[in-house]
């Protein structure tokens, strides 16, 4: 498994090479996860982030957003449900992509 903690020091290299882009990214991230932004409450946005992080398999994001979701008011059960929703969608994508396998066989029959 990829460890972001060991490689986080290299963020300085990215900041040095693309300071305006890094600044824009962090500004965007801050806006998205601001308590006073948007129609969805912060806990809901953090639960969405947990689901996305599970499907993109980013261990740092999973840990960070799960903790932030609970801090924003989500329960442990809410986080577990977000994980399972993400898992269902990921599995569903596998099944629907399986249609391509079946289609390719049917085309050769």
Protein backbone atom coordinates (compact mmCIF):
# COMPACT_ATOMS: atom_id res chain seq x y z
CA UNK A 1 0.00 0.00 0.00
CA UNK A 2 1.21 3.47 -0.85
CA UNK A 3 2.27 5.56 2.15
CA UNK A 4 1.69 9.28 1.80
CA UNK A 5 3.30 9.94 5.17
CA UNK A 6 6.75 8.91 3.92
CA UNK A 7 6.44 10.98 0.78
CA UNK A 8 4.63 14.08 2.10
CA UNK A 9 7.96 15.91 2.32
CA UNK A 10 7.92 16.15 -1.47
CA UNK A 11 4.94 18.51 -1.37
CA UNK A 12 7.55 21.25 -0.99
CA UNK A 13 8.87 20.33 -4.45
CA UNK A 14 5.41 20.65 -5.96
CA UNK A 15 4.86 24.00 -4.21
CA UNK A 16 8.19 25.26 -5.47
CA UNK A 17 7.58 24.13 -9.05
CA UNK A 18 3.94 25.23 -9.36
CA UNK A 19 3.17 27.72 -6.55
CA UNK A 20 0.13 29.34 -8.18
CA UNK A 21 -1.49 26.00 -8.94
CA UNK A 22 -0.82 24.64 -5.47
CA UNK A 23 -2.25 27.80 -3.94
CA UNK A 24 -5.36 27.52 -6.13
CA UNK A 25 -5.78 23.85 -5.20
CA UNK A 26 -5.59 24.53 -1.47
CA UNK A 27 -7.92 27.51 -1.83
CA UNK A 28 -10.44 25.33 -3.65
CA UNK A 29 -10.12 22.57 -1.05
CA UNK A 30 -10.60 25.11 1.74
CA UNK A 31 -13.73 26.48 0.07
CA UNK A 32 -15.22 23.03 -0.48
CA UNK A 33 -14.68 21.99 3.12
CA UNK A 34 -15.54 25.30 4.76
CA UNK A 35 -18.17 24.96 7.46
CA UNK A 36 -20.10 27.94 6.08
CA UNK A 37 -20.16 26.93 2.40
CA UNK A 38 -22.88 25.43 0.25
CA UNK A 39 -26.19 23.71 0.86
CA UNK A 40 -24.81 20.43 2.19
CA UNK A 41 -23.66 20.47 5.77
CA UNK A 42 -19.99 19.82 6.45
CA UNK A 43 -20.56 16.30 7.81
CA UNK A 44 -22.33 15.32 4.58
CA UNK A 45 -19.54 16.74 2.44
CA UNK A 46 -16.98 14.86 4.54
CA UNK A 47 -18.98 11.63 4.17
CA UNK A 48 -18.97 12.12 0.40
CA UNK A 49 -15.20 12.60 0.64
CA UNK A 50 -14.89 9.33 2.58
CA UNK A 51 -16.80 7.50 -0.15
CA UNK A 52 -14.70 8.99 -2.91
CA UNK A 53 -11.48 8.31 -0.98
CA UNK A 54 -12.46 4.67 -0.53
CA UNK A 55 -13.05 4.27 -4.26
CA UNK A 56 -9.85 6.10 -5.23
CA UNK A 57 -8.05 4.10 -2.55
CA UNK A 58 -6.15 7.02 -1.04
CA UNK A 59 -5.23 5.92 2.50
CA UNK A 60 -4.34 9.44 3.62
CA UNK A 61 -7.67 10.82 2.38
CA UNK A 62 -9.62 7.94 3.93
CA UNK A 63 -8.07 8.58 7.36
CA UNK A 64 -8.30 12.36 7.15
CA UNK A 65 -11.88 12.62 5.90
CA UNK A 66 -13.22 9.89 8.21
CA UNK A 67 -11.85 11.80 11.20
CA UNK A 68 -13.10 15.10 9.82
CA UNK A 69 -16.58 13.61 9.19
CA UNK A 70 -16.87 12.53 12.83
CA UNK A 71 -15.54 15.89 14.01
CA UNK A 72 -18.22 17.58 11.86
CA UNK A 73 -20.96 15.52 13.52
CA UNK A 74 -21.17 12.27 11.57
CA UNK A 75 -21.35 9.06 13.57
CA UNK A 76 -19.15 6.00 13.20
CA UNK A 77 -22.20 4.30 11.64
CA UNK A 78 -22.51 7.19 9.13
CA UNK A 79 -18.88 6.68 8.08
CA UNK A 80 -19.43 2.92 7.75
CA UNK A 81 -22.51 3.55 5.61
CA UNK A 82 -20.59 5.93 3.36
CA UNK A 83 -17.93 3.23 2.93
CA UNK A 84 -20.57 0.65 2.01
CA UNK A 85 -22.31 3.00 -0.45
CA UNK A 86 -18.95 3.58 -2.13
CA UNK A 87 -18.24 -0.15 -2.17
CA UNK A 88 -21.63 -0.85 -3.76
CA UNK A 89 -20.99 1.67 -6.51
CA UNK A 90 -17.49 0.32 -7.11
CA UNK A 91 -18.88 -3.22 -7.33
CA UNK A 92 -21.70 -2.05 -9.58
CA UNK A 93 -19.15 -0.54 -11.93
CA UNK A 94 -17.44 -3.91 -12.12
CA UNK A 95 -20.70 -5.64 -13.00
CA UNK A 96 -21.68 -3.09 -15.65
CA UNK A 97 -18.22 -3.25 -17.20
CA UNK A 98 -18.72 -7.01 -17.27
CA UNK A 99 -21.43 -6.38 -19.84
CA UNK A 100 -18.59 -5.59 -22.26
CA UNK A 101 -17.23 -9.12 -21.75
CA UNK A 102 -20.62 -10.65 -22.45
CA UNK A 103 -21.15 -8.36 -25.46
CA UNK A 104 -17.78 -9.33 -26.96
CA UNK A 105 -18.65 -13.02 -26.68
CA UNK A 106 -22.10 -12.47 -28.19
CA UNK A 107 -20.57 -10.58 -31.13
CA UNK A 108 -18.35 -13.58 -31.94
CA UNK A 109 -21.19 -16.13 -31.82
